[in-house]
Amino acid sequence: VFLTKLLSTKSFFLHQRILQPYVDGLFQAVFTVPGGTTVPNAIKYLFDFLDIQAADLGIADPDVLHMWKTNSFLPHFMAHIVQNPDLVFDIHKSATVDSCLSVISQAY
């Protein structure tokens, strides 16, 4: 909704030039590989979370866990997680943060 309003304004290209560095910075911070590791922390955290959930639910089939991990990075899923981090983390989002995350997820 917020991105749609932004796109409908005449100054879209100005807003795009203003927002793009922040969106790029967000994804660079989330998906940057720290020194000495081969996987970004965000991906490692998600995969560890999926391993724990499989153990808690008693899922022993490695193919099921493989499919969870394979399908976890579809663009729609990642956009949904970016827009709703409270689904994964125990946080409260204010209305301002919610609108900002909505714009970022729509740009993704």
N, C-alpha and C. Protein backbone atom coordinates (compact mmCIF):
# COMPACT_ATOMS: atom_id res chain seq x y z
N VAL A 1 0.83 -1.19 0.00
CA VAL A 1 0.00 0.00 0.00
C VAL A 1 0.87 1.24 0.00
N PHE A 2 1.88 1.29 0.87
CA PHE A 2 2.71 2.47 0.97
C PHE A 2 3.56 2.65 -0.28
N LEU A 3 4.09 1.54 -0.83
CA LEU A 3 4.87 1.64 -2.05
C LEU A 3 3.99 2.05 -3.22
N THR A 4 2.75 1.59 -3.24
CA THR A 4 1.83 1.97 -4.30
C THR A 4 1.58 3.47 -4.28
N LYS A 5 1.40 4.04 -3.10
CA LYS A 5 1.23 5.49 -2.99
C LYS A 5 2.48 6.21 -3.44
N LEU A 6 3.64 5.68 -3.07
CA LEU A 6 4.90 6.29 -3.47
C LEU A 6 5.06 6.25 -4.99
N LEU A 7 4.71 5.11 -5.60
CA LEU A 7 4.85 4.98 -7.04
C LEU A 7 3.90 5.89 -7.80
N SER A 8 2.78 6.23 -7.19
CA SER A 8 1.80 7.07 -7.88
C SER A 8 2.15 8.55 -7.83
N THR A 9 3.14 8.91 -7.05
CA THR A 9 3.54 10.32 -6.98
C THR A 9 4.43 10.66 -8.16
N LYS A 10 4.47 11.94 -8.49
CA LYS A 10 5.28 12.38 -9.61
C LYS A 10 6.77 12.32 -9.30
N SER A 11 7.11 12.34 -8.04
CA SER A 11 8.53 12.36 -7.67
C SER A 11 9.05 10.96 -7.34
N PHE A 12 8.53 9.94 -8.04
CA PHE A 12 8.92 8.56 -7.78
C PHE A 12 10.42 8.36 -7.92
N PHE A 13 11.00 8.89 -8.99
CA PHE A 13 12.42 8.66 -9.22
C PHE A 13 13.28 9.31 -8.15
N LEU A 14 12.86 10.44 -7.66
CA LEU A 14 13.58 11.07 -6.55
C LEU A 14 13.49 10.20 -5.31
N HIS A 15 12.30 9.69 -5.00
CA HIS A 15 12.13 8.81 -3.83
C HIS A 15 12.92 7.52 -4.01
N GLN A 16 12.94 7.00 -5.24
CA GLN A 16 13.67 5.76 -5.48
C GLN A 16 15.16 5.96 -5.22
N ARG A 17 15.70 7.09 -5.66
CA ARG A 17 17.11 7.36 -5.41
C ARG A 17 17.39 7.56 -3.93
N ILE A 18 16.41 8.05 -3.20
CA ILE A 18 16.58 8.26 -1.76
C ILE A 18 16.47 6.93 -1.02
N LEU A 19 15.51 6.09 -1.38
CA LEU A 19 15.26 4.83 -0.67
C LEU A 19 16.24 3.72 -1.03
N GLN A 20 16.70 3.68 -2.27
CA GLN A 20 17.48 2.55 -2.74
C GLN A 20 18.73 2.27 -1.90
N PRO A 21 19.50 3.27 -1.48
CA PRO A 21 20.67 2.96 -0.65
C PRO A 21 20.30 2.29 0.68
N TYR A 22 19.17 2.66 1.25
CA TYR A 22 18.75 2.05 2.51
C TYR A 22 18.30 0.60 2.32
N VAL A 23 17.58 0.35 1.24
CA VAL A 23 17.16 -1.03 0.94
C VAL A 23 18.38 -1.89 0.65
N ASP A 24 19.31 -1.37 -0.14
CA ASP A 24 20.54 -2.11 -0.44
C ASP A 24 21.34 -2.36 0.83
N GLY A 25 21.42 -1.36 1.70
CA GLY A 25 22.14 -1.52 2.96
C GLY A 25 21.53 -2.57 3.86
N LEU A 26 20.20 -2.63 3.89
CA LEU A 26 19.52 -3.64 4.69
C LEU A 26 19.88 -5.04 4.22
N PHE A 27 19.78 -5.28 2.93
CA PHE A 27 20.07 -6.61 2.41
C PHE A 27 21.55 -6.95 2.50
N GLN A 28 22.41 -5.95 2.37
CA GLN A 28 23.84 -6.20 2.53
C GLN A 28 24.14 -6.57 3.98
N ALA A 29 23.52 -5.89 4.93
CA ALA A 29 23.75 -6.20 6.34
C ALA A 29 23.22 -7.58 6.71
N VAL A 30 22.08 -7.95 6.16
CA VAL A 30 21.48 -9.25 6.49
C VAL A 30 22.24 -10.39 5.84
N PHE A 31 22.68 -10.21 4.60
CA PHE A 31 23.26 -11.32 3.85
C PHE A 31 24.78 -11.25 3.70
N THR A 32 25.45 -10.38 4.45
CA THR A 32 26.91 -10.33 4.40
C THR A 32 27.48 -11.51 5.17
N VAL A 33 28.49 -12.12 4.61
CA VAL A 33 29.14 -13.26 5.26
C VAL A 33 30.22 -12.74 6.20
N PRO A 34 30.09 -13.00 7.51
CA PRO A 34 31.13 -12.56 8.44
C PRO A 34 32.42 -13.35 8.23
N GLY A 35 33.54 -12.76 8.64
CA GLY A 35 34.83 -13.40 8.45
C GLY A 35 34.90 -14.78 9.10
N GLY A 36 35.48 -15.73 8.38
CA GLY A 36 35.67 -17.07 8.91
C GLY A 36 34.49 -18.01 8.75
N THR A 37 33.36 -17.54 8.20
CA THR A 37 32.21 -18.41 8.00
C THR A 37 31.88 -18.47 6.50
N THR A 38 31.09 -19.43 6.14
CA THR A 38 30.71 -19.56 4.73
C THR A 38 29.24 -19.23 4.49
N VAL A 39 28.49 -18.98 5.55
CA VAL A 39 27.06 -18.72 5.44
C VAL A 39 26.73 -17.44 6.21
N PRO A 40 25.92 -16.54 5.64
CA PRO A 40 25.50 -15.35 6.39
C PRO A 40 24.76 -15.74 7.66
N ASN A 41 24.89 -14.90 8.68
CA ASN A 41 24.26 -15.19 9.98
C ASN A 41 22.76 -15.36 9.89
N ALA A 42 22.10 -14.57 9.05
CA ALA A 42 20.64 -14.67 8.94
C ALA A 42 20.22 -16.04 8.40
N ILE A 43 20.94 -16.54 7.43
CA ILE A 43 20.62 -17.84 6.86
C ILE A 43 20.93 -18.95 7.85
N LYS A 44 22.07 -18.84 8.53
CA LYS A 44 22.44 -19.85 9.52
C LYS A 44 21.40 -19.89 10.64
N TYR A 45 20.95 -18.72 11.10
CA TYR A 45 19.94 -18.67 12.15
C TYR A 45 18.65 -19.35 11.69
N LEU A 46 18.22 -19.06 10.46
CA LEU A 46 16.99 -19.66 9.95
C LEU A 46 17.12 -21.17 9.82
N PHE A 47 18.24 -21.64 9.29
CA PHE A 47 18.43 -23.09 9.13
C PHE A 47 18.54 -23.79 10.48
N ASP A 48 19.21 -23.15 11.44
CA ASP A 48 19.26 -23.73 12.79
C ASP A 48 17.86 -23.79 13.40
N PHE A 49 17.07 -22.75 13.18
CA PHE A 49 15.69 -22.73 13.67
C PHE A 49 14.88 -23.87 13.05
N LEU A 50 15.05 -24.10 11.75
CA LEU A 50 14.33 -25.19 11.09
C LEU A 50 14.78 -26.55 11.63
N ASP A 51 16.08 -26.71 11.91
CA ASP A 51 16.57 -27.96 12.50
C ASP A 51 15.94 -28.21 13.87
N ILE A 52 15.85 -27.15 14.67
CA ILE A 52 15.25 -27.27 16.01
C ILE A 52 13.77 -27.63 15.91
N GLN A 53 13.07 -26.98 14.98
CA GLN A 53 11.64 -27.27 14.81
C GLN A 53 11.43 -28.71 14.35
N ALA A 54 12.28 -29.19 13.45
CA ALA A 54 12.16 -30.57 13.00
C ALA A 54 12.38 -31.54 14.16
N ALA A 55 13.36 -31.24 15.01
CA ALA A 55 13.62 -32.10 16.17
C ALA A 55 12.44 -32.05 17.14
N ASP A 56 11.90 -30.85 17.38
CA ASP A 56 10.78 -30.71 18.31
C ASP A 56 9.52 -31.42 17.80
N LEU A 57 9.32 -31.42 16.49
CA LEU A 57 8.14 -32.04 15.91
C LEU A 57 8.34 -33.51 15.58
N GLY A 58 9.55 -34.02 15.82
CA GLY A 58 9.83 -35.42 15.57
C GLY A 58 9.95 -35.77 14.10
N ILE A 59 10.34 -34.82 13.29
CA ILE A 59 10.49 -35.08 11.85
C ILE A 59 11.91 -35.58 11.62
N ALA A 60 12.01 -36.84 11.22
CA ALA A 60 13.32 -37.46 11.04
C ALA A 60 13.69 -37.61 9.56
N ASP A 61 12.75 -37.38 8.68
CA ASP A 61 13.00 -37.54 7.25
C ASP A 61 13.88 -36.39 6.75
N PRO A 62 15.10 -36.67 6.30
CA PRO A 62 15.99 -35.60 5.84
C PRO A 62 15.47 -34.89 4.60
N ASP A 63 14.63 -35.56 3.80
CA ASP A 63 14.08 -34.90 2.62
C ASP A 63 13.12 -33.78 2.99
N VAL A 64 12.37 -33.96 4.07
CA VAL A 64 11.44 -32.91 4.53
C VAL A 64 12.23 -31.69 4.97
N LEU A 65 13.25 -31.90 5.76
CA LEU A 65 14.08 -30.79 6.23
C LEU A 65 14.78 -30.11 5.06
N HIS A 66 15.23 -30.90 4.10
CA HIS A 66 15.87 -30.33 2.91
C HIS A 66 14.89 -29.44 2.14
N MET A 67 13.65 -29.89 2.00
CA MET A 67 12.65 -29.09 1.30
C MET A 67 12.31 -27.82 2.07
N TRP A 68 12.25 -27.88 3.40
CA TRP A 68 12.03 -26.68 4.19
C TRP A 68 13.11 -25.66 3.89
N LYS A 69 14.35 -26.11 3.91
CA LYS A 69 15.47 -25.19 3.70
C LYS A 69 15.52 -24.69 2.26
N THR A 70 15.21 -25.56 1.31
CA THR A 70 15.24 -25.17 -0.09
C THR A 70 14.17 -24.13 -0.39
N ASN A 71 12.99 -24.31 0.16
CA ASN A 71 11.88 -23.41 -0.13
C ASN A 71 11.81 -22.19 0.79
N SER A 72 12.71 -22.09 1.73
CA SER A 72 12.63 -20.99 2.69
C SER A 72 13.08 -19.65 2.13
N PHE A 73 13.74 -19.65 0.98
CA PHE A 73 14.22 -18.38 0.45
C PHE A 73 13.53 -17.95 -0.83
N LEU A 74 12.32 -18.39 -1.01
CA LEU A 74 11.54 -17.87 -2.12
C LEU A 74 11.31 -16.38 -1.87
N PRO A 75 11.30 -15.59 -2.92
CA PRO A 75 11.15 -14.13 -2.73
C PRO A 75 9.91 -13.74 -1.93
N HIS A 76 8.80 -14.42 -2.16
CA HIS A 76 7.58 -14.08 -1.42
C HIS A 76 7.77 -14.33 0.07
N PHE A 77 8.38 -15.46 0.41
CA PHE A 77 8.61 -15.80 1.82
C PHE A 77 9.52 -14.77 2.47
N MET A 78 10.62 -14.43 1.80
CA MET A 78 11.56 -13.48 2.39
C MET A 78 10.92 -12.09 2.52
N ALA A 79 10.14 -11.68 1.53
CA ALA A 79 9.46 -10.39 1.64
C ALA A 79 8.50 -10.40 2.81
N HIS A 80 7.83 -11.51 3.05
CA HIS A 80 6.90 -11.62 4.17
C HIS A 80 7.64 -11.54 5.51
N ILE A 81 8.80 -12.17 5.59
CA ILE A 81 9.59 -12.13 6.83
C ILE A 81 10.13 -10.73 7.07
N VAL A 82 10.57 -10.05 6.00
CA VAL A 82 11.07 -8.69 6.16
C VAL A 82 9.94 -7.78 6.64
N GLN A 83 8.76 -7.95 6.11
CA GLN A 83 7.63 -7.10 6.49
C GLN A 83 7.10 -7.44 7.88
N ASN A 84 7.22 -8.69 8.30
CA ASN A 84 6.67 -9.12 9.58
C ASN A 84 7.72 -9.83 10.43
N PRO A 85 8.74 -9.13 10.91
CA PRO A 85 9.76 -9.80 11.72
C PRO A 85 9.21 -10.31 13.05
N ASP A 86 8.05 -9.78 13.46
CA ASP A 86 7.45 -10.24 14.71
C ASP A 86 6.94 -11.67 14.61
N LEU A 87 6.84 -12.23 13.39
CA LEU A 87 6.47 -13.63 13.25
C LEU A 87 7.62 -14.56 13.63
N VAL A 88 8.85 -14.06 13.50
CA VAL A 88 10.03 -14.86 13.79
C VAL A 88 10.64 -14.48 15.13
N PHE A 89 10.67 -13.18 15.42
CA PHE A 89 11.30 -12.68 16.63
C PHE A 89 10.24 -12.15 17.59
N ASP A 90 10.56 -12.18 18.85
CA ASP A 90 9.64 -11.68 19.88
C ASP A 90 9.84 -10.18 20.04
N ILE A 91 9.27 -9.42 19.09
CA ILE A 91 9.41 -7.97 19.11
C ILE A 91 8.05 -7.33 18.88
N HIS A 92 7.98 -6.06 19.23
CA HIS A 92 6.79 -5.26 18.95
C HIS A 92 7.17 -4.24 17.89
N LYS A 93 6.38 -4.14 16.81
CA LYS A 93 6.65 -3.12 15.82
C LYS A 93 5.64 -1.98 15.95
N SER A 94 6.18 -0.79 15.93
CA SER A 94 5.31 0.38 15.96
C SER A 94 4.71 0.60 14.57
N ALA A 95 3.75 1.49 14.49
CA ALA A 95 3.12 1.77 13.19
C ALA A 95 4.12 2.35 12.21
N THR A 96 5.05 3.16 12.70
CA THR A 96 6.07 3.76 11.83
C THR A 96 6.99 2.68 11.27
N VAL A 97 7.46 1.79 12.14
CA VAL A 97 8.34 0.70 11.70
C VAL A 97 7.59 -0.21 10.73
N ASP A 98 6.32 -0.48 11.01
CA ASP A 98 5.51 -1.32 10.14
C ASP A 98 5.41 -0.73 8.74
N SER A 99 5.17 0.57 8.64
CA SER A 99 5.07 1.19 7.32
C SER A 99 6.41 1.19 6.60
N CYS A 100 7.50 1.39 7.33
CA CYS A 100 8.84 1.35 6.71
C CYS A 100 9.15 -0.05 6.19
N LEU A 101 8.88 -1.06 7.00
CA LEU A 101 9.14 -2.44 6.57
C LEU A 101 8.25 -2.83 5.41
N SER A 102 7.06 -2.28 5.36
CA SER A 102 6.16 -2.58 4.25
C SER A 102 6.75 -2.05 2.94
N VAL A 103 7.30 -0.86 2.97
CA VAL A 103 7.92 -0.28 1.77
C VAL A 103 9.13 -1.11 1.36
N ILE A 104 9.95 -1.50 2.33
CA ILE A 104 11.15 -2.29 2.03
C ILE A 104 10.76 -3.65 1.43
N SER A 105 9.76 -4.30 2.00
CA SER A 105 9.37 -5.62 1.49
C SER A 105 8.75 -5.51 0.10
N GLN A 106 8.05 -4.44 -0.17
CA GLN A 106 7.48 -4.27 -1.51
C GLN A 106 8.56 -3.96 -2.53
N ALA A 107 9.63 -3.28 -2.09
CA ALA A 107 10.74 -3.01 -2.99
C ALA A 107 11.53 -4.28 -3.28
N TYR A 108 11.49 -5.23 -2.34
CA TYR A 108 12.21 -6.49 -2.50
C TYR A 108 11.54 -7.31 -3.55
